[in-house]
Amino acid sequence: MKAAAFIKPGMTQVFEIDKPVPVHDEVLVKIAVCGLCSSELGMWVNKDFKTEHPIFFGHEATGIVEQTGPDVQTLSVGDRVTLFTERGGYSEYIALPEKWAVKLGDHVPYEWALGEPIACAMNGTRRSGVEVGDTVAIIGLGFMGSLIMQGIRLKGASRIIVVDTREESFELARKFGADEIIDSKTEDAAARIMELTGNKGADVVVECTGYQEPLDLATKAVKIRGRLVIFGYHQGGPRTIDVQTWNWKGLDVVNAHERDPEVYLQGMKTGMKLLESGHLNMEPLVSHFYGLDDINQAFQDAYSKPPGFIKAVIKNF
């Protein structure tokens, strides 16, 4: 079967490898799509990242069960599933424990059911502590920011302020019902948030970019005794924080990432319920499609972000 692997910065390669065989409680899944994650992009652009062996990566996969191991109890051949996996998603097939596969409704397109990022967003929403009536500022409304914005709206936020720099993000903000939109290229976002909140600051600020400057903005924009949620995936070196301001404001600071597989799976199941019921809208978020042989172009576009780019997925059909 075909499988793509990272071999050096700026380069992935498609290999022919053995098709896996499911054993015990495993299922063999024919992968339909795998989303390209910004954490992988960080590795792809990092010129200092070294590897002696190809890394068969990809973790935002969905597909259909093609074969089951002898101890599988809940899944059957033909079931449509989204997957929890750390690697191996950029391939034609993957074998993994059946408990790491969550069934999908027949009406949900594979490219919408990207279980891992949806799980991240639902778990981040849960940990955000947003309460009914809160004013929430979201800094960075790309793919992940749009997911957590939808979750926060469902939590009962009465006012959502979005900060970004791209027109694509402003379009998403309008589509998902943002109450205020701030272009941080043209105005002082912290000052504008303070103005919009009567000089108090937002009850909750969610940083969704993974960069230093938005993290600084979040510190300025949150109210005294407010909550600062770090949802962006920070990579590429250490960050600095204004601990004095965090102390003076008495902030609750939350790292809204999870690493426990069981927590991931719970978030995935919650997200699939919302997706299947129409409470989570993925349609405007998946913008670019590529075949497995075009995966390097997918990474290049994810890096350069051509007009209209939100999210890339690799399709196997």
C-alpha atoms as a PDB file:
ATOM      1  CA  MET A   1       0.000   0.000   0.000  1.00  0.00           C
ATOM      2  CA  LYS A   2       0.975   3.650  -0.332  1.00  0.00           C
ATOM      3  CA  ALA A   3       1.958   5.663   2.733  1.00  0.00           C
ATOM      4  CA  ALA A   4       3.528   9.116   3.035  1.00  0.00           C
ATOM      5  CA  ALA A   5       6.364   9.795   5.454  1.00  0.00           C
ATOM      6  CA  PHE A   6       8.345  12.822   6.551  1.00  0.00           C
ATOM      7  CA  ILE A   7      12.000  12.393   5.548  1.00  0.00           C
ATOM      8  CA  LYS A   8      13.508  15.876   5.986  1.00  0.00           C
ATOM      9  CA  PRO A   9      12.403  19.495   6.409  1.00  0.00           C
ATOM     10  CA  GLY A  10      10.247  20.556   3.488  1.00  0.00           C
ATOM     11  CA  MET A  11       9.989  17.051   2.084  1.00  0.00           C
ATOM     12  CA  THR A  12       7.676  14.075   2.433  1.00  0.00           C
ATOM     13  CA  GLN A  13       7.842  10.951   0.305  1.00  0.00           C
ATOM     14  CA  VAL A  14       5.274   8.324  -0.646  1.00  0.00           C
ATOM     15  CA  PHE A  15       6.495   4.774  -0.007  1.00  0.00           C
ATOM     16  CA  GLU A  16       5.167   1.312  -0.837  1.00  0.00           C
ATOM     17  CA  ILE A  17       4.883  -0.599   2.452  1.00  0.00           C
ATOM     18  CA  ASP A  18       3.099  -3.722   3.643  1.00  0.00           C
ATOM     19  CA  LYS A  19      -0.617  -3.482   4.259  1.00  0.00           C
ATOM     20  CA  PRO A  20      -1.259  -4.054   7.983  1.00  0.00           C
ATOM     21  CA  VAL A  21      -3.227  -7.035   9.262  1.00  0.00           C
ATOM     22  CA  PRO A  22      -5.544  -6.513  12.253  1.00  0.00           C
ATOM     23  CA  VAL A  23      -4.926  -8.781  15.257  1.00  0.00           C
ATOM     24  CA  HIS A  24      -6.827  -9.350  18.507  1.00  0.00           C
ATOM     25  CA  ASP A  25      -9.123  -6.323  19.050  1.00  0.00           C
ATOM     26  CA  GLU A  26      -7.872  -4.305  16.084  1.00  0.00           C
ATOM     27  CA  VAL A  27      -9.734  -3.102  13.012  1.00  0.00           C
ATOM     28  CA  LEU A  28      -8.273  -2.473   9.573  1.00  0.00           C
ATOM     29  CA  VAL A  29      -9.540   0.845   8.250  1.00  0.00           C
ATOM     30  CA  LYS A  30      -9.331   1.962   4.634  1.00  0.00           C
ATOM     31  CA  ILE A  31      -8.537   5.647   5.048  1.00  0.00           C
ATOM     32  CA  ALA A  32     -10.767   8.051   3.164  1.00  0.00           C
ATOM     33  CA  VAL A  33      -9.249  11.366   4.267  1.00  0.00           C
ATOM     34  CA  CYS A  34      -6.598  12.680   6.623  1.00  0.00           C
ATOM     35  CA  GLY A  35      -6.423  16.321   7.643  1.00  0.00           C
ATOM     36  CA  LEU A  36      -3.141  18.226   7.650  1.00  0.00           C
ATOM     37  CA  CYS A  37      -2.351  19.521  11.142  1.00  0.00           C
ATOM     38  CA  SER A  38      -0.448  22.707  11.994  1.00  0.00           C
ATOM     39  CA  SER A  39       1.701  20.697  14.424  1.00  0.00           C
ATOM     40  CA  GLU A  40       2.965  18.680  11.445  1.00  0.00           C
ATOM     41  CA  LEU A  41       3.490  21.868   9.483  1.00  0.00           C
ATOM     42  CA  GLY A  42       5.770  23.079  12.266  1.00  0.00           C
ATOM     43  CA  MET A  43       7.918  19.985  11.757  1.00  0.00           C
ATOM     44  CA  TRP A  44       7.829  20.347   7.957  1.00  0.00           C
ATOM     45  CA  VAL A  45       9.155  23.935   8.025  1.00  0.00           C
ATOM     46  CA  ASN A  46      11.673  23.441  10.857  1.00  0.00           C
ATOM     47  CA  LYS A  47      15.085  23.299   9.175  1.00  0.00           C
ATOM     48  CA  ASP A  48      16.667  21.999  12.381  1.00  0.00           C
ATOM     49  CA  PHE A  49      14.387  18.970  12.682  1.00  0.00           C
ATOM     50  CA  LYS A  50      16.330  15.776  11.949  1.00  0.00           C
ATOM     51  CA  THR A  51      15.224  12.181  11.561  1.00  0.00           C
ATOM     52  CA  GLU A  52      17.236   9.066  10.764  1.00  0.00           C
ATOM     53  CA  HIS A  53      14.199   7.117   9.604  1.00  0.00           C
ATOM     54  CA  PRO A  54      11.040   8.090   7.715  1.00  0.00           C
ATOM     55  CA  ILE A  55       8.237   9.203  10.033  1.00  0.00           C
ATOM     56  CA  PHE A  56       4.906   7.822   8.822  1.00  0.00           C
ATOM     57  CA  PHE A  57       2.727  10.577  10.190  1.00  0.00           C
ATOM     58  CA  GLY A  58      -0.891  11.846   9.946  1.00  0.00           C
ATOM     59  CA  HIS A  59      -3.409  11.749  12.795  1.00  0.00           C
ATOM     60  CA  GLU A  60      -6.667  13.345  11.580  1.00  0.00           C
ATOM     61  CA  ALA A  61      -7.984  10.294   9.741  1.00  0.00           C
ATOM     62  CA  THR A  62     -11.410   8.927   8.878  1.00  0.00           C
ATOM     63  CA  GLY A  63     -12.418   5.919   6.804  1.00  0.00           C
ATOM     64  CA  ILE A  64     -14.300   2.641   6.571  1.00  0.00           C
ATOM     65  CA  VAL A  65     -13.710  -0.639   8.415  1.00  0.00           C
ATOM     66  CA  GLU A  66     -12.479  -3.242   5.918  1.00  0.00           C
ATOM     67  CA  GLN A  67     -11.475  -6.088   8.258  1.00  0.00           C
ATOM     68  CA  THR A  68     -11.785  -6.918  11.952  1.00  0.00           C
ATOM     69  CA  GLY A  69      -9.586  -8.884  14.335  1.00  0.00           C
ATOM     70  CA  PRO A  70     -10.996 -11.959  16.115  1.00  0.00           C
ATOM     71  CA  ASP A  71     -11.672 -10.124  19.399  1.00  0.00           C
ATOM     72  CA  VAL A  72     -13.503  -7.104  17.949  1.00  0.00           C
ATOM     73  CA  GLN A  73     -16.948  -6.753  19.534  1.00  0.00           C
ATOM     74  CA  THR A  74     -18.570  -3.438  18.564  1.00  0.00           C
ATOM     75  CA  LEU A  75     -17.502  -2.652  15.004  1.00  0.00           C
ATOM     76  CA  SER A  76     -18.266  -4.448  11.751  1.00  0.00           C
ATOM     77  CA  VAL A  77     -16.963  -4.455   8.210  1.00  0.00           C
ATOM     78  CA  GLY A  78     -18.455  -1.478   6.393  1.00  0.00           C
ATOM     79  CA  ASP A  79     -18.741   0.797   9.430  1.00  0.00           C
ATOM     80  CA  ARG A  80     -17.749   4.395   8.772  1.00  0.00           C
ATOM     81  CA  VAL A  81     -15.392   5.661  11.487  1.00  0.00           C
ATOM     82  CA  THR A  82     -13.222   8.540  12.629  1.00  0.00           C
ATOM     83  CA  LEU A  83      -9.983   7.624  14.328  1.00  0.00           C
ATOM     84  CA  PHE A  84      -7.731   8.450  17.228  1.00  0.00           C
ATOM     85  CA  THR A  85      -4.164   7.759  16.147  1.00  0.00           C
ATOM     86  CA  GLU A  86      -0.817   9.442  16.633  1.00  0.00           C
ATOM     87  CA  ARG A  87       0.695   8.397  13.291  1.00  0.00           C
ATOM     88  CA  GLY A  88       0.010   6.556  10.059  1.00  0.00           C
ATOM     89  CA  GLY A  89      -2.922   8.580   8.759  1.00  0.00           C
ATOM     90  CA  TYR A  90      -1.317   9.544   5.450  1.00  0.00           C
ATOM     91  CA  SER A  91      -1.704   6.073   4.027  1.00  0.00           C
ATOM     92  CA  GLU A  92      -4.212   3.831   2.328  1.00  0.00           C
ATOM     93  CA  TYR A  93      -4.834   1.615   5.361  1.00  0.00           C
ATOM     94  CA  ILE A  94      -4.265   1.640   9.105  1.00  0.00           C
ATOM     95  CA  ALA A  95      -4.803  -0.989  11.816  1.00  0.00           C
ATOM     96  CA  LEU A  96      -5.632   0.158  15.338  1.00  0.00           C
ATOM     97  CA  PRO A  97      -7.624  -0.922  18.424  1.00  0.00           C
ATOM     98  CA  GLU A  98     -11.365  -0.792  17.880  1.00  0.00           C
ATOM     99  CA  LYS A  99     -11.784   1.491  20.924  1.00  0.00           C
ATOM    100  CA  TRP A 100      -9.830   4.144  19.015  1.00  0.00           C
ATOM    101  CA  ALA A 101     -12.443   4.198  16.242  1.00  0.00           C
ATOM    102  CA  VAL A 102     -15.695   6.151  16.663  1.00  0.00           C
ATOM    103  CA  LYS A 103     -18.634   5.354  14.388  1.00  0.00           C
ATOM    104  CA  LEU A 104     -20.021   8.014  12.051  1.00  0.00           C
ATOM    105  CA  GLY A 105     -23.543   8.588  10.820  1.00  0.00           C
ATOM    106  CA  ASP A 106     -24.016   7.729   7.148  1.00  0.00           C
ATOM    107  CA  HIS A 107     -24.947  11.331   6.311  1.00  0.00           C
ATOM    108  CA  VAL A 108     -21.678  12.839   7.547  1.00  0.00           C
ATOM    109  CA  PRO A 109     -19.023  13.351   4.821  1.00  0.00           C
ATOM    110  CA  TYR A 110     -15.644  11.861   5.687  1.00  0.00           C
ATOM    111  CA  GLU A 111     -13.889  15.193   5.155  1.00  0.00           C
ATOM    112  CA  TRP A 112     -16.045  16.821   7.849  1.00  0.00           C
ATOM    113  CA  ALA A 113     -15.483  14.106  10.453  1.00  0.00           C
ATOM    114  CA  LEU A 114     -11.875  14.971  11.354  1.00  0.00           C
ATOM    115  CA  GLY A 115     -12.126  13.455  14.786  1.00  0.00           C
ATOM    116  CA  GLU A 116      -8.804  14.456  16.354  1.00  0.00           C
ATOM    117  CA  PRO A 117      -9.016  18.247  15.840  1.00  0.00           C
ATOM    118  CA  ILE A 118     -12.712  18.223  16.678  1.00  0.00           C
ATOM    119  CA  ALA A 119     -11.861  16.347  19.880  1.00  0.00           C
ATOM    120  CA  CYS A 120      -9.212  18.967  20.706  1.00  0.00           C
ATOM    121  CA  ALA A 121     -11.735  21.755  20.223  1.00  0.00           C
ATOM    122  CA  MET A 122     -14.456  20.081  22.269  1.00  0.00           C
ATOM    123  CA  ASN A 123     -12.050  19.342  25.118  1.00  0.00           C
ATOM    124  CA  GLY A 124     -10.738  22.892  24.901  1.00  0.00           C
ATOM    125  CA  THR A 125     -14.297  24.190  25.052  1.00  0.00           C
ATOM    126  CA  ARG A 126     -14.971  22.090  28.131  1.00  0.00           C
ATOM    127  CA  ARG A 127     -11.845  23.336  29.882  1.00  0.00           C
ATOM    128  CA  SER A 128     -12.416  26.979  28.895  1.00  0.00           C
ATOM    129  CA  GLY A 129     -14.764  27.506  31.833  1.00  0.00           C
ATOM    130  CA  VAL A 130     -17.067  29.684  29.734  1.00  0.00           C
ATOM    131  CA  GLU A 131     -20.364  30.282  31.504  1.00  0.00           C
ATOM    132  CA  VAL A 132     -23.749  31.489  30.314  1.00  0.00           C
ATOM    133  CA  GLY A 133     -23.611  35.211  29.642  1.00  0.00           C
ATOM    134  CA  ASP A 134     -19.819  35.530  29.388  1.00  0.00           C
ATOM    135  CA  THR A 135     -18.053  37.869  27.000  1.00  0.00           C
ATOM    136  CA  VAL A 136     -15.366  35.860  25.211  1.00  0.00           C
ATOM    137  CA  ALA A 137     -12.547  37.134  23.007  1.00  0.00           C
ATOM    138  CA  ILE A 138     -11.056  34.649  20.548  1.00  0.00           C
ATOM    139  CA  ILE A 139      -7.649  35.550  19.140  1.00  0.00           C
ATOM    140  CA  GLY A 140      -7.082  33.741  15.871  1.00  0.00           C
ATOM    141  CA  LEU A 141     -10.017  32.351  13.888  1.00  0.00           C
ATOM    142  CA  GLY A 142      -8.536  29.780  11.585  1.00  0.00           C
ATOM    143  CA  PHE A 143      -9.682  26.167  11.451  1.00  0.00           C
ATOM    144  CA  MET A 144      -9.230  25.377  15.148  1.00  0.00           C
ATOM    145  CA  GLY A 145     -10.408  28.791  16.330  1.00  0.00           C
ATOM    146  CA  SER A 146     -13.604  28.329  14.335  1.00  0.00           C
ATOM    147  CA  LEU A 147     -14.236  24.972  15.969  1.00  0.00           C
ATOM    148  CA  ILE A 148     -13.773  26.272  19.495  1.00  0.00           C
ATOM    149  CA  MET A 149     -15.858  29.353  18.699  1.00  0.00           C
ATOM    150  CA  GLN A 150     -18.788  27.093  17.838  1.00  0.00           C
ATOM    151  CA  GLY A 151     -18.293  25.175  21.080  1.00  0.00           C
ATOM    152  CA  ILE A 152     -18.143  28.369  23.116  1.00  0.00           C
ATOM    153  CA  ARG A 153     -21.344  29.640  21.534  1.00  0.00           C
ATOM    154  CA  LEU A 154     -23.027  26.394  22.576  1.00  0.00           C
ATOM    155  CA  LYS A 155     -21.713  26.920  26.128  1.00  0.00           C
ATOM    156  CA  GLY A 156     -23.804  30.090  26.368  1.00  0.00           C
ATOM    157  CA  ALA A 157     -21.429  32.981  25.702  1.00  0.00           C
ATOM    158  CA  SER A 158     -23.522  36.100  25.200  1.00  0.00           C
ATOM    159  CA  ARG A 159     -20.885  38.020  23.262  1.00  0.00           C
ATOM    160  CA  ILE A 160     -17.992  36.777  21.149  1.00  0.00           C
ATOM    161  CA  ILE A 161     -15.238  39.112  19.972  1.00  0.00           C
ATOM    162  CA  VAL A 162     -12.945  37.798  17.229  1.00  0.00           C
ATOM    163  CA  VAL A 163      -9.437  39.102  16.541  1.00  0.00           C
ATOM    164  CA  ASP A 164      -7.543  38.182  13.378  1.00  0.00           C
ATOM    165  CA  THR A 165      -5.750  39.602  10.335  1.00  0.00           C
ATOM    166  CA  ARG A 166      -7.051  37.562   7.346  1.00  0.00           C
ATOM    167  CA  GLU A 167     -10.179  38.249   5.316  1.00  0.00           C
ATOM    168  CA  GLU A 168     -10.887  34.492   5.282  1.00  0.00           C
ATOM    169  CA  SER A 169     -11.071  34.588   9.078  1.00  0.00           C
ATOM    170  CA  PHE A 170     -13.390  37.589   9.055  1.00  0.00           C
ATOM    171  CA  GLU A 171     -15.715  35.699   6.696  1.00  0.00           C
ATOM    172  CA  LEU A 172     -15.744  32.734   9.074  1.00  0.00           C
ATOM    173  CA  ALA A 173     -16.379  35.045  12.024  1.00  0.00           C
ATOM    174  CA  ARG A 174     -19.413  36.503  10.284  1.00  0.00           C
ATOM    175  CA  LYS A 175     -20.652  33.051   9.259  1.00  0.00           C
ATOM    176  CA  PHE A 176     -20.420  31.736  12.826  1.00  0.00           C
ATOM    177  CA  GLY A 177     -22.091  34.781  14.353  1.00  0.00           C
ATOM    178  CA  ALA A 178     -19.294  36.830  15.910  1.00  0.00           C
ATOM    179  CA  ASP A 179     -20.649  39.896  17.672  1.00  0.00           C
ATOM    180  CA  GLU A 180     -17.523  41.988  17.053  1.00  0.00           C
ATOM    181  CA  ILE A 181     -14.638  41.552  14.614  1.00  0.00           C
ATOM    182  CA  ILE A 182     -11.278  43.265  15.103  1.00  0.00           C
ATOM    183  CA  ASP A 183      -8.565  43.495  12.449  1.00  0.00           C
ATOM    184  CA  SER A 184      -5.376  43.632  14.503  1.00  0.00           C
ATOM    185  CA  LYS A 185      -3.410  44.851  11.477  1.00  0.00           C
ATOM    186  CA  THR A 186      -5.303  48.128  11.417  1.00  0.00           C
ATOM    187  CA  GLU A 187      -6.252  48.795  15.038  1.00  0.00           C
ATOM    188  CA  ASP A 188      -5.060  48.243  18.592  1.00  0.00           C
ATOM    189  CA  ALA A 189      -6.938  45.042  19.424  1.00  0.00           C
ATOM    190  CA  ALA A 190      -6.378  45.264  23.195  1.00  0.00           C
ATOM    191  CA  ALA A 191      -7.636  48.841  23.342  1.00  0.00           C
ATOM    192  CA  ARG A 192     -10.665  47.947  21.219  1.00  0.00           C
ATOM    193  CA  ILE A 193     -11.556  44.998  23.466  1.00  0.00           C
ATOM    194  CA  MET A 194     -11.306  47.220  26.526  1.00  0.00           C
ATOM    195  CA  GLU A 195     -13.556  49.788  24.819  1.00  0.00           C
ATOM    196  CA  LEU A 196     -16.119  47.122  23.940  1.00  0.00           C
ATOM    197  CA  THR A 197     -16.185  45.829  27.533  1.00  0.00           C
ATOM    198  CA  GLY A 198     -16.459  49.130  29.370  1.00  0.00           C
ATOM    199  CA  ASN A 199     -12.714  49.092  30.134  1.00  0.00           C
ATOM    200  CA  LYS A 200     -13.051  45.839  32.068  1.00  0.00           C
ATOM    201  CA  GLY A 201     -11.722  43.269  29.609  1.00  0.00           C
ATOM    202  CA  ALA A 202     -13.241  40.002  28.429  1.00  0.00           C
ATOM    203  CA  ASP A 203     -14.410  37.388  30.929  1.00  0.00           C
ATOM    204  CA  VAL A 204     -12.515  34.743  28.957  1.00  0.00           C
ATOM    205  CA  VAL A 205      -9.835  35.175  26.293  1.00  0.00           C
ATOM    206  CA  VAL A 206      -8.950  32.178  24.129  1.00  0.00           C
ATOM    207  CA  GLU A 207      -5.602  32.355  22.312  1.00  0.00           C
ATOM    208  CA  CYS A 208      -5.777  30.129  19.222  1.00  0.00           C
ATOM    209  CA  THR A 209      -2.644  30.991  17.242  1.00  0.00           C
ATOM    210  CA  GLY A 210       0.386  29.507  18.968  1.00  0.00           C
ATOM    211  CA  TYR A 211       2.438  32.711  18.616  1.00  0.00           C
ATOM    212  CA  GLN A 212       3.981  35.141  21.081  1.00  0.00           C
ATOM    213  CA  GLU A 213       2.253  38.395  20.122  1.00  0.00           C
ATOM    214  CA  PRO A 214      -1.312  37.023  20.407  1.00  0.00           C
ATOM    215  CA  LEU A 215      -0.389  35.529  23.785  1.00  0.00           C
ATOM    216  CA  ASP A 216       0.682  39.009  24.897  1.00  0.00           C
ATOM    217  CA  LEU A 217      -2.583  40.410  23.563  1.00  0.00           C
ATOM    218  CA  ALA A 218      -4.561  37.831  25.538  1.00  0.00           C
ATOM    219  CA  THR A 219      -2.839  38.979  28.732  1.00  0.00           C
ATOM    220  CA  LYS A 220      -3.869  42.577  28.056  1.00  0.00           C
ATOM    221  CA  ALA A 221      -7.422  41.798  26.956  1.00  0.00           C
ATOM    222  CA  VAL A 222      -8.641  39.575  29.815  1.00  0.00           C
ATOM    223  CA  LYS A 223     -10.357  41.133  32.803  1.00  0.00           C
ATOM    224  CA  ILE A 224      -9.226  41.068  36.421  1.00  0.00           C
ATOM    225  CA  ARG A 225     -10.062  37.588  37.818  1.00  0.00           C
ATOM    226  CA  GLY A 226     -10.765  36.478  34.277  1.00  0.00           C
ATOM    227  CA  ARG A 227      -9.613  33.342  32.494  1.00  0.00           C
ATOM    228  CA  LEU A 228      -6.869  33.114  29.862  1.00  0.00           C
ATOM    229  CA  VAL A 229      -7.125  29.941  27.800  1.00  0.00           C
ATOM    230  CA  ILE A 230      -4.076  28.870  25.791  1.00  0.00           C
ATOM    231  CA  PHE A 231      -5.549  26.801  22.974  1.00  0.00           C
ATOM    232  CA  GLY A 232      -2.986  27.586  20.261  1.00  0.00           C
ATOM    233  CA  TYR A 233      -0.302  24.934  19.808  1.00  0.00           C
ATOM    234  CA  HIS A 234       2.968  26.697  20.674  1.00  0.00           C
ATOM    235  CA  GLN A 235       6.014  25.304  18.914  1.00  0.00           C
ATOM    236  CA  GLY A 236       9.346  26.590  17.655  1.00  0.00           C
ATOM    237  CA  GLY A 237      10.895  27.599  20.964  1.00  0.00           C
ATOM    238  CA  PRO A 238      10.027  29.013  24.402  1.00  0.00           C
ATOM    239  CA  ARG A 239       7.520  31.810  25.030  1.00  0.00           C
ATOM    240  CA  THR A 240       7.735  34.670  27.505  1.00  0.00           C
ATOM    241  CA  ILE A 241       4.847  35.698  29.732  1.00  0.00           C
ATOM    242  CA  ASP A 242       4.093  38.800  31.765  1.00  0.00           C
ATOM    243  CA  VAL A 243       3.809  37.036  35.117  1.00  0.00           C
ATOM    244  CA  GLN A 244       3.466  40.328  36.959  1.00  0.00           C
ATOM    245  CA  THR A 245       0.283  41.140  35.040  1.00  0.00           C
ATOM    246  CA  TRP A 246      -0.975  37.585  35.513  1.00  0.00           C
ATOM    247  CA  ASN A 247      -0.345  37.971  39.260  1.00  0.00           C
ATOM    248  CA  TRP A 248      -1.877  41.429  39.487  1.00  0.00           C
ATOM    249  CA  LYS A 249      -4.986  40.402  37.584  1.00  0.00           C
ATOM    250  CA  GLY A 250      -5.306  37.171  39.540  1.00  0.00           C
ATOM    251  CA  LEU A 251      -5.914  35.230  36.343  1.00  0.00           C
ATOM    252  CA  ASP A 252      -6.927  31.637  35.915  1.00  0.00           C
ATOM    253  CA  VAL A 253      -4.666  30.359  33.131  1.00  0.00           C
ATOM    254  CA  VAL A 254      -5.637  27.141  31.368  1.00  0.00           C
ATOM    255  CA  ASN A 255      -3.553  25.026  29.015  1.00  0.00           C
ATOM    256  CA  ALA A 256      -6.444  23.612  27.011  1.00  0.00           C
ATOM    257  CA  HIS A 257      -4.595  20.668  25.460  1.00  0.00           C
ATOM    258  CA  GLU A 258      -5.069  17.016  26.370  1.00  0.00           C
ATOM    259  CA  ARG A 259      -2.796  14.012  25.980  1.00  0.00           C
ATOM    260  CA  ASP A 260      -4.805  11.269  27.706  1.00  0.00           C
ATOM    261  CA  PRO A 261      -6.251   8.992  24.958  1.00  0.00           C
ATOM    262  CA  GLU A 262      -9.451   8.406  26.936  1.00  0.00           C
ATOM    263  CA  VAL A 263     -10.033  12.165  27.223  1.00  0.00           C
ATOM    264  CA  TYR A 264      -9.345  12.545  23.515  1.00  0.00           C
ATOM    265  CA  LEU A 265     -11.897   9.859  22.731  1.00  0.00           C
ATOM    266  CA  GLN A 266     -14.524  11.471  24.940  1.00  0.00           C
ATOM    267  CA  GLY A 267     -14.051  14.780  23.141  1.00  0.00           C
ATOM    268  CA  MET A 268     -14.251  12.974  19.809  1.00  0.00           C
ATOM    269  CA  LYS A 269     -17.525  11.283  20.726  1.00  0.00           C
ATOM    270  CA  THR A 270     -18.984  14.597  21.885  1.00  0.00           C
ATOM    271  CA  GLY A 271     -17.868  16.286  18.673  1.00  0.00           C
ATOM    272  CA  MET A 272     -19.369  13.571  16.473  1.00  0.00           C
ATOM    273  CA  LYS A 273     -22.719  13.928  18.252  1.00  0.00           C
ATOM    274  CA  LEU A 274     -22.683  17.664  17.592  1.00  0.00           C
ATOM    275  CA  LEU A 275     -21.600  17.160  13.984  1.00  0.00           C
ATOM    276  CA  GLU A 276     -24.265  14.550  13.281  1.00  0.00           C
ATOM    277  CA  SER A 277     -26.999  16.683  14.877  1.00  0.00           C
ATOM    278  CA  GLY A 278     -26.026  19.789  12.914  1.00  0.00           C
ATOM    279  CA  HIS A 279     -24.782  21.767  15.928  1.00  0.00           C
ATOM    280  CA  LEU A 280     -21.214  21.771  14.588  1.00  0.00           C
ATOM    281  CA  ASN A 281     -20.652  23.139  11.084  1.00  0.00           C
ATOM    282  CA  MET A 282     -17.568  21.855   9.260  1.00  0.00           C
ATOM    283  CA  GLU A 283     -18.593  22.688   5.715  1.00  0.00           C
ATOM    284  CA  PRO A 284     -16.857  26.099   5.433  1.00  0.00           C
ATOM    285  CA  LEU A 285     -13.720  24.934   7.230  1.00  0.00           C
ATOM    286  CA  VAL A 286     -12.292  22.327   4.843  1.00  0.00           C
ATOM    287  CA  SER A 287     -11.093  24.341   1.876  1.00  0.00           C
ATOM    288  CA  HIS A 288      -8.370  22.463  -0.030  1.00  0.00           C
ATOM    289  CA  PHE A 289      -8.150  18.837  -1.181  1.00  0.00           C
ATOM    290  CA  TYR A 290      -5.093  16.875  -2.366  1.00  0.00           C
ATOM    291  CA  GLY A 291      -4.215  13.344  -3.374  1.00  0.00           C
ATOM    292  CA  LEU A 292      -1.591  11.420  -1.421  1.00  0.00           C
ATOM    293  CA  ASP A 293       0.958  11.980  -4.192  1.00  0.00           C
ATOM    294  CA  ASP A 294       0.450  15.754  -3.841  1.00  0.00           C
ATOM    295  CA  ILE A 295       1.113  15.903  -0.099  1.00  0.00           C
ATOM    296  CA  ASN A 296       4.150  18.176  -0.458  1.00  0.00           C
ATOM    297  CA  GLN A 297       1.997  20.723  -2.270  1.00  0.00           C
ATOM    298  CA  ALA A 298      -0.539  20.449   0.527  1.00  0.00           C
ATOM    299  CA  PHE A 299       2.131  21.344   3.073  1.00  0.00           C
ATOM    300  CA  GLN A 300       3.427  24.182   0.913  1.00  0.00           C
ATOM    301  CA  ASP A 301      -0.066  25.661   0.629  1.00  0.00           C
ATOM    302  CA  ALA A 302      -0.681  25.228   4.350  1.00  0.00           C
ATOM    303  CA  TYR A 303       2.492  27.244   4.906  1.00  0.00           C
ATOM    304  CA  SER A 304       1.891  29.999   2.330  1.00  0.00           C
ATOM    305  CA  LYS A 305      -1.903  30.150   2.800  1.00  0.00           C
ATOM    306  CA  PRO A 306      -3.131  31.112  -0.678  1.00  0.00           C
ATOM    307  CA  PRO A 307      -6.387  33.111  -0.883  1.00  0.00           C
ATOM    308  CA  GLY A 308      -9.282  31.149   0.585  1.00  0.00           C
ATOM    309  CA  PHE A 309      -7.105  28.644   2.423  1.00  0.00           C
ATOM    310  CA  ILE A 310      -8.454  27.350   5.742  1.00  0.00           C
ATOM    311  CA  LYS A 311      -7.717  23.623   5.982  1.00  0.00           C
ATOM    312  CA  ALA A 312      -6.072  20.998   3.768  1.00  0.00           C
ATOM    313  CA  VAL A 313      -7.055  17.346   3.660  1.00  0.00           C
ATOM    314  CA  ILE A 314      -5.508  14.400   1.835  1.00  0.00           C
ATOM    315  CA  LYS A 315      -8.134  12.297   0.062  1.00  0.00           C
ATOM    316  CA  ASN A 316      -7.803   8.627  -0.887  1.00  0.00           C
ATOM    317  CA  PHE A 317     -10.946   8.464  -3.027  1.00  0.00           C
END
